[in-house]
Amino acid sequence: MKKTYKLTFEMVPEECWYSNLRSVLKPSDWDKVRRDAYARANGCCSICGRWTKRLEAHEKWSYDEKKALQKLEDVVALCHNCHEVKHISRTQLIGRGMEAMEHFMKVNGCAQMDFHAALSEANEEYFRRNRVEGWVTDISWLKNKFDIELK
């Protein structure tokens, strides 16, 4: 049976890399979106609950592989450590893989073997999604919540 964790990895298909909100929004609109996430978080990470002076905005996406649809679901405020776990591949590339593993285990109350099993599952999902071509991005969440249009 697959374990569920509070803190998970998010593996974005390669075709969807570099299509983040900061690249498609005016800076003032991005500020509006991220500040809303920070306000909702009230200074605390939305995953681990730790209070921090510096929150980071994280885009939550869902993926429908049958429709090749990447859909924005929310923008949430995370502490730096949780954000590094979310983007584990990048974190490992910059040499912070051990710290991310330790944070994953602490937040989820699990062992190192659980970390590796969850990472393996996330990688399988990543490779499967990369076999899908022609991903379409749906950011209607922005229009619905903020009435924001793309630049």
C-alpha atoms as a PDB file:
ATOM      1  CA  MET A   1       0.000   0.000   0.000  1.00  0.00           C
ATOM      2  CA  LYS A   2       1.312   3.432  -1.004  1.00  0.00           C
ATOM      3  CA  LYS A   3       2.121   5.690   1.944  1.00  0.00           C
ATOM      4  CA  THR A   4       0.861   9.255   1.950  1.00  0.00           C
ATOM      5  CA  TYR A   5       3.038  12.052   3.234  1.00  0.00           C
ATOM      6  CA  LYS A   6       2.472  15.614   4.350  1.00  0.00           C
ATOM      7  CA  LEU A   7       5.572  16.766   2.424  1.00  0.00           C
ATOM      8  CA  THR A   8       5.969  15.304  -1.067  1.00  0.00           C
ATOM      9  CA  PHE A   9       8.059  15.766  -4.189  1.00  0.00           C
ATOM     10  CA  GLU A  10       6.668  17.500  -7.252  1.00  0.00           C
ATOM     11  CA  MET A  11       8.178  16.345 -10.498  1.00  0.00           C
ATOM     12  CA  VAL A  12       7.306  18.647 -13.385  1.00  0.00           C
ATOM     13  CA  PRO A  13       7.462  17.111 -16.885  1.00  0.00           C
ATOM     14  CA  GLU A  14      10.429  18.505 -18.820  1.00  0.00           C
ATOM     15  CA  GLU A  15       8.140  19.963 -21.482  1.00  0.00           C
ATOM     16  CA  CYS A  16       6.611  22.154 -18.750  1.00  0.00           C
ATOM     17  CA  TRP A  17       9.884  23.430 -17.298  1.00  0.00           C
ATOM     18  CA  TYR A  18      10.372  27.198 -17.264  1.00  0.00           C
ATOM     19  CA  SER A  19       6.655  27.881 -17.653  1.00  0.00           C
ATOM     20  CA  ASN A  20       6.235  29.217 -14.147  1.00  0.00           C
ATOM     21  CA  LEU A  21       3.968  32.102 -13.251  1.00  0.00           C
ATOM     22  CA  ARG A  22       6.814  34.581 -12.837  1.00  0.00           C
ATOM     23  CA  SER A  23       7.626  34.132 -16.522  1.00  0.00           C
ATOM     24  CA  VAL A  24       4.068  34.794 -17.760  1.00  0.00           C
ATOM     25  CA  LEU A  25       2.811  37.465 -15.341  1.00  0.00           C
ATOM     26  CA  LYS A  26       3.597  41.127 -14.974  1.00  0.00           C
ATOM     27  CA  PRO A  27       5.770  41.630 -11.869  1.00  0.00           C
ATOM     28  CA  SER A  28       2.936  43.513 -10.126  1.00  0.00           C
ATOM     29  CA  ASP A  29       0.527  40.606 -10.758  1.00  0.00           C
ATOM     30  CA  TRP A  30       3.060  38.034  -9.504  1.00  0.00           C
ATOM     31  CA  ASP A  31       3.489  40.173  -6.367  1.00  0.00           C
ATOM     32  CA  LYS A  32      -0.288  40.138  -5.839  1.00  0.00           C
ATOM     33  CA  VAL A  33      -0.409  36.322  -6.135  1.00  0.00           C
ATOM     34  CA  ARG A  34       2.559  35.589  -3.898  1.00  0.00           C
ATOM     35  CA  ARG A  35       1.553  38.130  -1.264  1.00  0.00           C
ATOM     36  CA  ASP A  36      -1.892  36.523  -1.108  1.00  0.00           C
ATOM     37  CA  ALA A  37      -0.231  33.159  -0.423  1.00  0.00           C
ATOM     38  CA  TYR A  38       1.926  34.713   2.304  1.00  0.00           C
ATOM     39  CA  ALA A  39      -1.091  36.390   3.907  1.00  0.00           C
ATOM     40  CA  ARG A  40      -3.064  33.119   3.949  1.00  0.00           C
ATOM     41  CA  ALA A  41      -0.078  31.393   5.582  1.00  0.00           C
ATOM     42  CA  ASN A  42       0.181  34.009   8.348  1.00  0.00           C
ATOM     43  CA  GLY A  43       3.974  33.623   8.524  1.00  0.00           C
ATOM     44  CA  CYS A  44       3.928  29.821   8.683  1.00  0.00           C
ATOM     45  CA  CYS A  45       4.896  27.213   6.119  1.00  0.00           C
ATOM     46  CA  SER A  46       1.739  25.645   4.691  1.00  0.00           C
ATOM     47  CA  ILE A  47       3.313  22.183   4.952  1.00  0.00           C
ATOM     48  CA  CYS A  48       5.438  21.898   8.089  1.00  0.00           C
ATOM     49  CA  GLY A  49       3.789  24.779   9.962  1.00  0.00           C
ATOM     50  CA  ARG A  50       7.101  26.343  10.955  1.00  0.00           C
ATOM     51  CA  TRP A  51       7.034  30.113  11.391  1.00  0.00           C
ATOM     52  CA  THR A  52       9.622  31.913   9.271  1.00  0.00           C
ATOM     53  CA  LYS A  53      10.432  35.504   8.359  1.00  0.00           C
ATOM     54  CA  ARG A  54      10.930  34.518   4.724  1.00  0.00           C
ATOM     55  CA  LEU A  55       8.295  32.434   2.995  1.00  0.00           C
ATOM     56  CA  GLU A  56       8.590  31.316  -0.625  1.00  0.00           C
ATOM     57  CA  ALA A  57       5.722  31.090  -3.120  1.00  0.00           C
ATOM     58  CA  HIS A  58       5.187  27.619  -4.581  1.00  0.00           C
ATOM     59  CA  GLU A  59       2.895  26.833  -7.494  1.00  0.00           C
ATOM     60  CA  LYS A  60       0.771  23.714  -7.019  1.00  0.00           C
ATOM     61  CA  TRP A  61      -0.042  21.977 -10.303  1.00  0.00           C
ATOM     62  CA  SER A  62      -2.139  18.943 -11.150  1.00  0.00           C
ATOM     63  CA  TYR A  63      -1.431  16.749 -14.161  1.00  0.00           C
ATOM     64  CA  ASP A  64      -3.921  14.923 -16.342  1.00  0.00           C
ATOM     65  CA  GLU A  65      -1.801  12.619 -18.475  1.00  0.00           C
ATOM     66  CA  LYS A  66      -4.715  11.520 -20.684  1.00  0.00           C
ATOM     67  CA  LYS A  67      -5.472  15.136 -21.665  1.00  0.00           C
ATOM     68  CA  ALA A  68      -1.809  16.283 -21.453  1.00  0.00           C
ATOM     69  CA  LEU A  69      -3.048  19.033 -19.142  1.00  0.00           C
ATOM     70  CA  GLN A  70      -0.973  20.825 -16.518  1.00  0.00           C
ATOM     71  CA  LYS A  71      -3.394  22.833 -14.367  1.00  0.00           C
ATOM     72  CA  LEU A  72      -2.546  25.449 -11.764  1.00  0.00           C
ATOM     73  CA  GLU A  73      -4.428  24.619  -8.553  1.00  0.00           C
ATOM     74  CA  ASP A  74      -3.006  27.116  -6.065  1.00  0.00           C
ATOM     75  CA  VAL A  75       0.001  29.123  -4.991  1.00  0.00           C
ATOM     76  CA  VAL A  76       1.044  28.387  -1.417  1.00  0.00           C
ATOM     77  CA  ALA A  77       3.656  29.741   0.979  1.00  0.00           C
ATOM     78  CA  LEU A  78       6.466  27.380   1.969  1.00  0.00           C
ATOM     79  CA  CYS A  79       9.558  27.616   4.112  1.00  0.00           C
ATOM     80  CA  HIS A  80      12.828  27.276   2.236  1.00  0.00           C
ATOM     81  CA  ASN A  81      13.387  23.694   3.448  1.00  0.00           C
ATOM     82  CA  CYS A  82       9.961  22.424   2.315  1.00  0.00           C
ATOM     83  CA  HIS A  83      10.388  24.236  -1.009  1.00  0.00           C
ATOM     84  CA  GLU A  84      13.727  22.489  -1.529  1.00  0.00           C
ATOM     85  CA  VAL A  85      12.070  19.109  -0.972  1.00  0.00           C
ATOM     86  CA  LYS A  86       9.310  19.963  -3.460  1.00  0.00           C
ATOM     87  CA  HIS A  87      12.022  20.644  -6.074  1.00  0.00           C
ATOM     88  CA  ILE A  88      14.259  17.745  -5.029  1.00  0.00           C
ATOM     89  CA  SER A  89      16.028  17.305  -8.384  1.00  0.00           C
ATOM     90  CA  ARG A  90      17.246  20.904  -8.411  1.00  0.00           C
ATOM     91  CA  THR A  91      18.091  20.688  -4.709  1.00  0.00           C
ATOM     92  CA  GLN A  92      20.245  17.615  -5.292  1.00  0.00           C
ATOM     93  CA  LEU A  93      21.977  19.333  -8.216  1.00  0.00           C
ATOM     94  CA  ILE A  94      23.057  22.217  -5.994  1.00  0.00           C
ATOM     95  CA  GLY A  95      24.395  19.832  -3.344  1.00  0.00           C
ATOM     96  CA  ARG A  96      21.647  20.056  -0.717  1.00  0.00           C
ATOM     97  CA  GLY A  97      20.198  16.577  -1.156  1.00  0.00           C
ATOM     98  CA  MET A  98      21.128  15.382   2.344  1.00  0.00           C
ATOM     99  CA  GLU A  99      19.495  18.386   3.985  1.00  0.00           C
ATOM    100  CA  ALA A 100      16.352  17.847   1.925  1.00  0.00           C
ATOM    101  CA  MET A 101      16.250  14.171   2.865  1.00  0.00           C
ATOM    102  CA  GLU A 102      16.577  15.019   6.558  1.00  0.00           C
ATOM    103  CA  HIS A 103      13.794  17.609   6.321  1.00  0.00           C
ATOM    104  CA  PHE A 104      11.504  15.181   4.445  1.00  0.00           C
ATOM    105  CA  MET A 105      12.034  12.553   7.158  1.00  0.00           C
ATOM    106  CA  LYS A 106      11.506  15.068   9.993  1.00  0.00           C
ATOM    107  CA  VAL A 107       8.279  16.531   8.570  1.00  0.00           C
ATOM    108  CA  ASN A 108       6.849  13.143   7.631  1.00  0.00           C
ATOM    109  CA  GLY A 109       8.116  11.243  10.690  1.00  0.00           C
ATOM    110  CA  CYS A 110       9.634   8.544   8.523  1.00  0.00           C
ATOM    111  CA  ALA A 111      12.880   6.681   7.927  1.00  0.00           C
ATOM    112  CA  GLN A 112      15.489   7.008   5.214  1.00  0.00           C
ATOM    113  CA  MET A 113      14.129   3.960   3.385  1.00  0.00           C
ATOM    114  CA  ASP A 114      10.723   5.693   3.225  1.00  0.00           C
ATOM    115  CA  PHE A 115      12.372   8.772   1.708  1.00  0.00           C
ATOM    116  CA  HIS A 116      14.030   6.640  -0.975  1.00  0.00           C
ATOM    117  CA  ALA A 117      10.819   4.738  -1.713  1.00  0.00           C
ATOM    118  CA  ALA A 118       8.842   7.990  -2.061  1.00  0.00           C
ATOM    119  CA  LEU A 119      11.543   9.491  -4.282  1.00  0.00           C
ATOM    120  CA  SER A 120      11.539   6.373  -6.445  1.00  0.00           C
ATOM    121  CA  GLU A 121       7.752   6.631  -6.873  1.00  0.00           C
ATOM    122  CA  ALA A 122       8.055  10.322  -7.746  1.00  0.00           C
ATOM    123  CA  ASN A 123      10.733   9.532 -10.330  1.00  0.00           C
ATOM    124  CA  GLU A 124       8.532   6.847 -11.908  1.00  0.00           C
ATOM    125  CA  GLU A 125       5.734   9.413 -12.175  1.00  0.00           C
ATOM    126  CA  TYR A 126       8.183  11.916 -13.691  1.00  0.00           C
ATOM    127  CA  PHE A 127       9.380   9.449 -16.350  1.00  0.00           C
ATOM    128  CA  ARG A 128       5.792   8.453 -17.156  1.00  0.00           C
ATOM    129  CA  ARG A 129       4.734  12.086 -17.573  1.00  0.00           C
ATOM    130  CA  ASN A 130       7.717  12.737 -19.811  1.00  0.00           C
ATOM    131  CA  ARG A 131       6.352  10.187 -22.285  1.00  0.00           C
ATOM    132  CA  VAL A 132       3.326  12.460 -22.755  1.00  0.00           C
ATOM    133  CA  GLU A 133       3.744  15.053 -25.503  1.00  0.00           C
ATOM    134  CA  GLY A 134       1.981  18.331 -26.133  1.00  0.00           C
ATOM    135  CA  TRP A 135       1.286  19.444 -22.559  1.00  0.00           C
ATOM    136  CA  VAL A 136      -1.193  22.323 -22.329  1.00  0.00           C
ATOM    137  CA  THR A 137      -1.090  24.689 -19.354  1.00  0.00           C
ATOM    138  CA  ASP A 138      -4.313  25.829 -17.695  1.00  0.00           C
ATOM    139  CA  ILE A 139      -3.919  28.845 -15.420  1.00  0.00           C
ATOM    140  CA  SER A 140      -7.618  29.699 -15.170  1.00  0.00           C
ATOM    141  CA  TRP A 141      -7.161  29.651 -11.385  1.00  0.00           C
ATOM    142  CA  LEU A 142      -5.498  33.078 -11.746  1.00  0.00           C
ATOM    143  CA  LYS A 143      -8.434  34.518 -13.664  1.00  0.00           C
ATOM    144  CA  ASN A 144     -10.944  33.049 -11.229  1.00  0.00           C
ATOM    145  CA  LYS A 145      -9.184  34.123  -8.038  1.00  0.00           C
ATOM    146  CA  PHE A 146      -7.455  37.368  -9.032  1.00  0.00           C
ATOM    147  CA  ASP A 147      -8.927  38.357 -12.406  1.00  0.00           C
ATOM    148  CA  ILE A 148      -5.379  38.374 -13.785  1.00  0.00           C
ATOM    149  CA  GLU A 149      -4.587  38.109 -17.477  1.00  0.00           C
ATOM    150  CA  LEU A 150      -1.254  37.060 -18.956  1.00  0.00           C
ATOM    151  CA  LYS A 151       1.180  39.751 -20.030  1.00  0.00           C
END
